[in-house]
Structure formats: structure tokens, C-alpha cells
């Protein structure tokens, strides 16, 4: 199974930059959408073992984390509670609807994100991917 992400980031002042949205941890591959600050807080929490009493307080309501692990696909939203995904694919972020449509039509996750980059101004290259073979 593959997880893919764009690299575009937009801060609160509408400045565009690139950032690393895919992170491999012992519990799986994590794909982020939202602020880099919230991403850092979530990563610290995940690296610490997901202590329920230590859930981070996130500023960004739109923060979403897609996790590909041995137990399947899960999504975390701003409340930091794992929501299992029943489908074989899922997408988060600004280009999620476009990527979901592309994957439903048979595109790979990588190609789906490339299509989202073409059609969504808030989604931009480079596209990066990791496979479940990378999950420990």
C-alpha cells in the first residue's frame, strides 16, 4: 500500500513554502495536512506512544493526519482520536476531494496527488510517496 503527499504549505499570512508532510515512525507512516506547528506537536505525541492524557492541544481545526500502519488506515483530526477508514484508500487536505475521485477512478495515490496539484491551488509539488513495505 502507498501513501503520497504534496509538499506545499501555506502559513496564516498566505505565504507559500514547501514542507515534509510524510513521516515514518515505528507505528506507521504519517501524512499531515494543516499547520507545521500542529504537525510538530502531533509528532511529539505519536513518538511518545499516544498517551491519552497527553493529547496535544492543536490550534488548527483543519489539521488532519492520515496513518498507514499494519492495522490499516486511520485518520486523526484536531481532537487527536484515531478514526478507522473502511476503504482501501483515503485522502486528507486541500486536494482531498480531487485525490479521492482520482483514486476511485483507479489512479495510484501518487498519481492522485499529482492530479490534485494540477487542479487545486493549495496543493503543490513535489509529490512524495512511501510504501507499506516501509512500515515497521
N, C-alpha and C. Protein backbone atom coordinates (compact mmCIF):
# COMPACT_ATOMS: atom_id res chain seq x y z
N UNK A 1 0.84 -1.17 0.00
CA UNK A 1 0.00 0.00 0.00
C UNK A 1 0.89 1.24 0.00
N UNK A 2 0.46 2.28 -0.67
CA UNK A 2 1.25 3.50 -0.82
C UNK A 2 0.53 4.69 -0.21
N UNK A 3 1.29 5.58 0.39
CA UNK A 3 0.78 6.86 0.87
C UNK A 3 1.58 7.94 0.13
N UNK A 4 0.89 8.96 -0.32
CA UNK A 4 1.54 10.04 -1.09
C UNK A 4 1.10 11.39 -0.54
N UNK A 5 1.93 12.39 -0.75
CA UNK A 5 1.62 13.74 -0.27
C UNK A 5 2.23 14.77 -1.19
N UNK A 6 1.58 15.92 -1.23
CA UNK A 6 2.19 17.07 -1.88
C UNK A 6 3.16 17.69 -0.88
N UNK A 7 3.79 18.79 -1.24
CA UNK A 7 4.77 19.42 -0.35
C UNK A 7 4.48 20.89 -0.08
N UNK A 8 3.36 21.38 -0.56
CA UNK A 8 3.05 22.81 -0.42
C UNK A 8 2.52 23.11 0.97
N UNK A 9 2.97 24.21 1.53
CA UNK A 9 2.49 24.69 2.81
C UNK A 9 2.17 26.17 2.69
N UNK A 10 1.09 26.57 3.32
CA UNK A 10 0.69 27.97 3.30
C UNK A 10 0.48 28.40 4.74
N UNK A 11 1.19 29.46 5.15
CA UNK A 11 1.02 29.90 6.53
C UNK A 11 -0.15 30.87 6.65
N UNK A 12 -0.37 31.37 7.86
CA UNK A 12 -1.53 32.24 8.12
C UNK A 12 -1.46 33.57 7.38
N UNK A 13 -0.29 33.95 6.89
CA UNK A 13 -0.18 35.19 6.13
C UNK A 13 -0.24 34.94 4.62
N UNK A 14 -0.62 33.71 4.24
CA UNK A 14 -0.76 33.30 2.85
C UNK A 14 0.56 33.16 2.10
N UNK A 15 1.68 33.09 2.83
CA UNK A 15 2.96 32.82 2.18
C UNK A 15 3.05 31.33 1.86
N UNK A 16 3.55 31.01 0.70
CA UNK A 16 3.69 29.62 0.27
C UNK A 16 5.12 29.16 0.48
N UNK A 17 5.26 27.93 0.90
CA UNK A 17 6.56 27.30 1.09
C UNK A 17 6.37 25.80 0.90
N UNK A 18 7.43 25.05 1.01
CA UNK A 18 7.30 23.60 0.96
C UNK A 18 7.66 23.03 2.33
N UNK A 19 7.11 21.86 2.63
CA UNK A 19 7.43 21.20 3.88
C UNK A 19 7.31 19.68 3.70
N UNK A 20 7.88 18.96 4.64
CA UNK A 20 7.83 17.49 4.64
C UNK A 20 6.55 17.06 5.33
N UNK A 21 5.64 16.42 4.58
CA UNK A 21 4.35 16.02 5.12
C UNK A 21 4.27 14.53 5.46
N UNK A 22 5.20 13.72 4.97
CA UNK A 22 5.21 12.29 5.29
C UNK A 22 6.33 12.00 6.29
N UNK A 23 5.99 11.25 7.34
CA UNK A 23 6.96 10.90 8.37
C UNK A 23 6.78 9.43 8.73
N UNK A 24 7.90 8.71 8.76
CA UNK A 24 7.86 7.30 9.14
C UNK A 24 8.23 7.19 10.61
N UNK A 25 7.33 6.57 11.39
CA UNK A 25 7.56 6.30 12.81
C UNK A 25 7.39 4.79 13.01
N UNK A 26 7.78 4.28 14.17
CA UNK A 26 7.63 2.83 14.39
C UNK A 26 6.19 2.33 14.22
N UNK A 27 5.20 3.15 14.48
CA UNK A 27 3.80 2.72 14.38
C UNK A 27 3.20 2.89 13.00
N UNK A 28 3.94 3.40 12.04
CA UNK A 28 3.41 3.55 10.70
C UNK A 28 3.95 4.77 9.98
N UNK A 29 3.34 5.06 8.84
CA UNK A 29 3.69 6.24 8.06
C UNK A 29 2.59 7.28 8.27
N UNK A 30 2.98 8.48 8.61
CA UNK A 30 2.06 9.55 8.94
C UNK A 30 2.10 10.62 7.86
N UNK A 31 0.93 10.96 7.33
CA UNK A 31 0.80 12.02 6.33
C UNK A 31 -0.01 13.16 6.91
N UNK A 32 0.52 14.37 6.85
CA UNK A 32 -0.07 15.52 7.53
C UNK A 32 -0.68 16.54 6.59
N UNK A 33 -1.74 17.17 7.07
CA UNK A 33 -2.33 18.34 6.44
C UNK A 33 -2.64 19.32 7.56
N UNK A 34 -2.27 20.57 7.38
CA UNK A 34 -2.51 21.57 8.42
C UNK A 34 -1.22 22.30 8.74
N UNK A 35 -1.19 22.96 9.88
CA UNK A 35 -0.04 23.79 10.23
C UNK A 35 1.17 22.95 10.63
N UNK A 36 2.34 23.48 10.34
CA UNK A 36 3.57 22.79 10.72
C UNK A 36 3.71 22.73 12.24
N UNK A 37 3.21 23.73 12.94
CA UNK A 37 3.26 23.73 14.40
C UNK A 37 2.45 22.56 14.95
N UNK A 38 1.22 22.40 14.46
CA UNK A 38 0.39 21.28 14.92
C UNK A 38 1.01 19.95 14.53
N UNK A 39 1.63 19.89 13.35
CA UNK A 39 2.30 18.68 12.91
C UNK A 39 3.39 18.31 13.91
N UNK A 40 4.18 19.28 14.33
CA UNK A 40 5.23 19.03 15.31
C UNK A 40 4.70 18.53 16.64
N UNK A 41 3.62 19.14 17.12
CA UNK A 41 3.00 18.71 18.38
C UNK A 41 2.46 17.29 18.26
N UNK A 42 1.82 16.99 17.14
CA UNK A 42 1.28 15.64 16.94
C UNK A 42 2.41 14.63 16.87
N UNK A 43 3.48 14.94 16.14
CA UNK A 43 4.61 14.01 16.03
C UNK A 43 5.22 13.73 17.39
N UNK A 44 5.38 14.75 18.23
CA UNK A 44 5.91 14.53 19.58
C UNK A 44 5.01 13.58 20.36
N UNK A 45 3.70 13.78 20.26
CA UNK A 45 2.74 12.92 20.95
C UNK A 45 2.83 11.48 20.42
N UNK A 46 2.90 11.33 19.11
CA UNK A 46 2.98 10.00 18.50
C UNK A 46 4.28 9.30 18.90
N UNK A 47 5.39 10.03 18.87
CA UNK A 47 6.68 9.43 19.24
C UNK A 47 6.70 9.03 20.71
N UNK A 48 5.87 9.69 21.53
CA UNK A 48 5.77 9.37 22.95
C UNK A 48 4.80 8.23 23.25
N UNK A 49 4.21 7.63 22.22
CA UNK A 49 3.36 6.47 22.42
C UNK A 49 1.87 6.75 22.49
N UNK A 50 1.42 7.92 22.06
CA UNK A 50 -0.01 8.26 22.02
C UNK A 50 -0.66 8.23 23.41
N UNK A 51 0.00 8.72 24.42
CA UNK A 51 -0.56 8.76 25.77
C UNK A 51 -1.88 9.54 25.75
N UNK A 52 -3.03 8.89 26.09
CA UNK A 52 -4.32 9.58 26.04
C UNK A 52 -4.37 10.84 26.91
N UNK A 53 -3.63 10.83 28.01
CA UNK A 53 -3.61 12.01 28.87
C UNK A 53 -2.72 13.12 28.34
N UNK A 54 -1.93 12.80 27.32
CA UNK A 54 -1.00 13.79 26.77
C UNK A 54 -1.38 14.28 25.39
N UNK A 55 -2.66 14.09 24.99
CA UNK A 55 -3.08 14.56 23.67
C UNK A 55 -2.75 16.04 23.53
N UNK A 56 -2.15 16.42 22.42
CA UNK A 56 -1.80 17.84 22.24
C UNK A 56 -3.04 18.71 22.00
N UNK A 57 -2.95 19.94 22.43
CA UNK A 57 -3.99 20.91 22.13
C UNK A 57 -3.57 21.61 20.84
N UNK A 58 -4.32 21.37 19.80
CA UNK A 58 -3.96 21.88 18.49
C UNK A 58 -4.76 23.13 18.18
N UNK A 59 -4.10 24.10 17.53
CA UNK A 59 -4.74 25.35 17.16
C UNK A 59 -5.56 25.22 15.89
N UNK A 60 -5.13 24.37 15.03
CA UNK A 60 -5.67 24.30 13.67
C UNK A 60 -6.83 23.32 13.60
N UNK A 61 -8.04 23.84 13.37
CA UNK A 61 -9.21 22.97 13.21
C UNK A 61 -9.09 22.08 11.98
N UNK A 62 -8.33 22.51 11.00
CA UNK A 62 -8.23 21.75 9.76
C UNK A 62 -7.11 20.72 9.77
N UNK A 63 -6.41 20.57 10.91
CA UNK A 63 -5.33 19.60 10.98
C UNK A 63 -5.89 18.19 10.80
N UNK A 64 -5.27 17.43 9.89
CA UNK A 64 -5.66 16.05 9.64
C UNK A 64 -4.39 15.22 9.47
N UNK A 65 -4.42 14.02 10.00
CA UNK A 65 -3.29 13.11 9.88
C UNK A 65 -3.80 11.78 9.34
N UNK A 66 -3.23 11.34 8.25
CA UNK A 66 -3.55 10.04 7.66
C UNK A 66 -2.44 9.08 8.06
N UNK A 67 -2.81 7.95 8.67
CA UNK A 67 -1.81 6.99 9.16
C UNK A 67 -1.99 5.67 8.44
N UNK A 68 -0.92 5.21 7.84
CA UNK A 68 -0.87 3.90 7.19
C UNK A 68 -0.02 3.00 8.08
N UNK A 69 -0.64 1.96 8.63
CA UNK A 69 0.08 1.06 9.54
C UNK A 69 -0.33 -0.38 9.27
N UNK A 70 0.26 -1.28 10.02
CA UNK A 70 -0.07 -2.70 9.88
C UNK A 70 -1.55 -2.96 10.17
N UNK A 71 -2.17 -2.11 10.98
CA UNK A 71 -3.59 -2.30 11.33
C UNK A 71 -4.53 -1.60 10.35
N UNK A 72 -4.00 -1.01 9.28
CA UNK A 72 -4.84 -0.38 8.27
C UNK A 72 -4.64 1.12 8.17
N UNK A 73 -5.66 1.79 7.68
CA UNK A 73 -5.63 3.24 7.51
C UNK A 73 -6.48 3.88 8.60
N UNK A 74 -5.93 4.91 9.23
CA UNK A 74 -6.65 5.68 10.24
C UNK A 74 -6.46 7.16 9.96
N UNK A 75 -7.44 7.96 10.36
CA UNK A 75 -7.35 9.41 10.24
C UNK A 75 -7.50 10.01 11.63
N UNK A 76 -6.66 10.97 11.93
CA UNK A 76 -6.78 11.76 13.15
C UNK A 76 -7.16 13.17 12.73
N UNK A 77 -8.11 13.76 13.46
CA UNK A 77 -8.48 15.15 13.24
C UNK A 77 -8.00 15.95 14.45
N UNK A 78 -8.44 17.19 14.60
CA UNK A 78 -7.89 18.08 15.62
C UNK A 78 -8.07 17.57 17.06
N UNK A 79 -9.01 16.67 17.32
CA UNK A 79 -9.20 16.12 18.67
C UNK A 79 -8.24 14.96 18.96
N UNK A 80 -7.45 14.55 17.96
CA UNK A 80 -6.43 13.51 18.11
C UNK A 80 -7.00 12.16 18.55
N UNK A 81 -8.08 11.75 17.90
CA UNK A 81 -8.67 10.45 18.14
C UNK A 81 -8.63 9.69 16.81
N UNK A 82 -8.11 8.46 16.84
CA UNK A 82 -7.97 7.66 15.62
C UNK A 82 -9.34 7.24 15.10
N UNK A 83 -9.59 7.51 13.83
CA UNK A 83 -10.83 7.10 13.17
C UNK A 83 -10.44 6.09 12.09
N UNK A 84 -10.87 4.82 12.21
CA UNK A 84 -10.51 3.83 11.19
C UNK A 84 -11.21 4.13 9.86
N UNK A 85 -10.51 3.85 8.78
CA UNK A 85 -11.03 4.04 7.43
C UNK A 85 -11.38 2.67 6.86
N UNK A 86 -12.61 2.51 6.38
CA UNK A 86 -13.06 1.22 5.85
C UNK A 86 -12.59 0.99 4.42
N UNK A 87 -12.30 2.05 3.68
CA UNK A 87 -11.86 1.92 2.29
C UNK A 87 -10.40 1.49 2.21
N UNK A 88 -10.00 1.11 1.01
CA UNK A 88 -8.59 0.78 0.76
C UNK A 88 -7.76 2.02 0.47
N UNK A 89 -8.39 3.18 0.39
CA UNK A 89 -7.68 4.43 0.14
C UNK A 89 -8.42 5.56 0.84
N UNK A 90 -7.68 6.65 1.08
CA UNK A 90 -8.27 7.84 1.70
C UNK A 90 -7.37 9.01 1.40
N UNK A 91 -7.87 10.23 1.57
CA UNK A 91 -7.08 11.43 1.34
C UNK A 91 -7.48 12.50 2.36
N UNK A 92 -6.54 13.35 2.70
CA UNK A 92 -6.79 14.48 3.58
C UNK A 92 -6.18 15.73 2.95
N UNK A 93 -6.60 16.89 3.42
CA UNK A 93 -6.01 18.14 2.97
C UNK A 93 -6.82 18.84 1.90
N UNK A 94 -6.25 19.90 1.40
CA UNK A 94 -6.93 20.78 0.44
C UNK A 94 -7.33 20.07 -0.84
N UNK A 95 -6.52 19.16 -1.30
CA UNK A 95 -6.80 18.45 -2.55
C UNK A 95 -7.46 17.09 -2.35
N UNK A 96 -7.99 16.84 -1.14
CA UNK A 96 -8.52 15.51 -0.81
C UNK A 96 -9.65 15.07 -1.74
N UNK A 97 -10.60 15.94 -2.02
CA UNK A 97 -11.72 15.53 -2.87
C UNK A 97 -11.26 15.13 -4.27
N UNK A 98 -10.31 15.87 -4.79
CA UNK A 98 -9.78 15.56 -6.12
C UNK A 98 -9.03 14.24 -6.07
N UNK A 99 -8.18 14.07 -5.06
CA UNK A 99 -7.41 12.83 -4.94
C UNK A 99 -8.31 11.62 -4.72
N UNK A 100 -9.37 11.78 -3.91
CA UNK A 100 -10.30 10.67 -3.68
C UNK A 100 -10.97 10.26 -4.99
N UNK A 101 -11.39 11.24 -5.78
CA UNK A 101 -12.01 10.93 -7.07
C UNK A 101 -11.05 10.22 -8.00
N UNK A 102 -9.80 10.68 -8.02
CA UNK A 102 -8.80 10.06 -8.89
C UNK A 102 -8.52 8.62 -8.46
N UNK A 103 -8.42 8.38 -7.15
CA UNK A 103 -8.18 7.02 -6.69
C UNK A 103 -9.40 6.13 -6.92
N UNK A 104 -10.61 6.68 -6.77
CA UNK A 104 -11.82 5.90 -7.05
C UNK A 104 -11.88 5.50 -8.53
N UNK A 105 -11.27 6.33 -9.39
CA UNK A 105 -11.24 6.03 -10.82
C UNK A 105 -10.07 5.11 -11.19
N UNK A 106 -9.27 4.70 -10.19
CA UNK A 106 -8.21 3.73 -10.45
C UNK A 106 -6.80 4.26 -10.41
N UNK A 107 -6.62 5.54 -10.15
CA UNK A 107 -5.26 6.10 -10.08
C UNK A 107 -4.55 5.67 -8.80
N UNK A 108 -3.24 5.58 -8.88
CA UNK A 108 -2.44 5.32 -7.69
C UNK A 108 -2.49 6.55 -6.79
N UNK A 109 -2.16 6.40 -5.50
CA UNK A 109 -2.12 7.58 -4.63
C UNK A 109 -1.17 8.66 -5.15
N UNK A 110 -0.04 8.25 -5.69
CA UNK A 110 0.92 9.23 -6.20
C UNK A 110 0.32 10.00 -7.37
N UNK A 111 -0.27 9.30 -8.31
CA UNK A 111 -0.91 9.98 -9.46
C UNK A 111 -2.08 10.84 -9.00
N UNK A 112 -2.83 10.38 -8.00
CA UNK A 112 -3.96 11.15 -7.49
C UNK A 112 -3.50 12.49 -6.91
N UNK A 113 -2.38 12.49 -6.19
CA UNK A 113 -1.86 13.74 -5.65
C UNK A 113 -1.33 14.63 -6.78
N UNK A 114 -0.71 14.04 -7.78
CA UNK A 114 -0.26 14.82 -8.94
C UNK A 114 -1.44 15.52 -9.60
N UNK A 115 -2.56 14.82 -9.74
CA UNK A 115 -3.76 15.42 -10.34
C UNK A 115 -4.27 16.54 -9.44
N UNK A 116 -4.29 16.31 -8.13
CA UNK A 116 -4.71 17.36 -7.20
C UNK A 116 -3.81 18.60 -7.32
N UNK A 117 -2.52 18.39 -7.53
CA UNK A 117 -1.59 19.52 -7.72
C UNK A 117 -1.96 20.32 -8.97
N UNK A 118 -2.42 19.64 -10.01
CA UNK A 118 -2.79 20.32 -11.25
C UNK A 118 -4.07 21.13 -11.10
N UNK A 119 -4.98 20.68 -10.23
CA UNK A 119 -6.32 21.26 -10.18
C UNK A 119 -6.62 22.09 -8.94
N UNK A 120 -5.78 22.03 -7.91
CA UNK A 120 -6.05 22.74 -6.66
C UNK A 120 -4.90 23.68 -6.34
N UNK A 121 -5.20 24.96 -6.18
CA UNK A 121 -4.16 25.96 -5.96
C UNK A 121 -3.43 25.78 -4.63
N UNK A 122 -4.06 25.12 -3.66
CA UNK A 122 -3.45 24.93 -2.35
C UNK A 122 -2.69 23.61 -2.24
N UNK A 123 -2.54 22.91 -3.35
CA UNK A 123 -1.81 21.65 -3.40
C UNK A 123 -0.69 21.79 -4.41
N UNK A 124 0.55 21.50 -3.99
CA UNK A 124 1.65 21.75 -4.91
C UNK A 124 2.79 20.77 -4.79
N UNK A 125 3.58 20.66 -5.87
CA UNK A 125 4.71 19.74 -5.91
C UNK A 125 5.86 20.21 -5.01
N UNK A 126 6.82 19.31 -4.80
CA UNK A 126 6.90 17.97 -5.34
C UNK A 126 6.01 16.98 -4.59
N UNK A 127 5.60 15.93 -5.31
CA UNK A 127 4.83 14.85 -4.72
C UNK A 127 5.81 13.79 -4.23
N UNK A 128 5.61 13.33 -3.00
CA UNK A 128 6.47 12.30 -2.43
C UNK A 128 5.58 11.13 -1.99
N UNK A 129 6.16 9.94 -1.92
CA UNK A 129 5.38 8.77 -1.50
C UNK A 129 6.25 7.80 -0.72
N UNK A 130 5.58 6.96 0.06
CA UNK A 130 6.20 5.86 0.80
C UNK A 130 5.26 4.66 0.67
N UNK A 131 5.82 3.46 0.73
CA UNK A 131 5.00 2.26 0.63
C UNK A 131 4.91 1.54 1.96
N UNK A 132 3.91 0.66 2.08
CA UNK A 132 3.71 -0.08 3.32
C UNK A 132 4.89 -0.98 3.61
N UNK A 133 5.71 -1.29 2.64
CA UNK A 133 6.94 -2.02 2.89
C UNK A 133 7.87 -1.24 3.79
N UNK A 134 7.63 0.10 3.86
CA UNK A 134 8.43 0.96 4.71
C UNK A 134 7.91 0.95 6.14
N UNK A 135 6.70 0.38 6.38
CA UNK A 135 6.12 0.35 7.71
C UNK A 135 6.76 -0.77 8.50
N UNK A 136 7.19 -0.47 9.72
CA UNK A 136 7.85 -1.48 10.55
C UNK A 136 6.83 -2.14 11.45
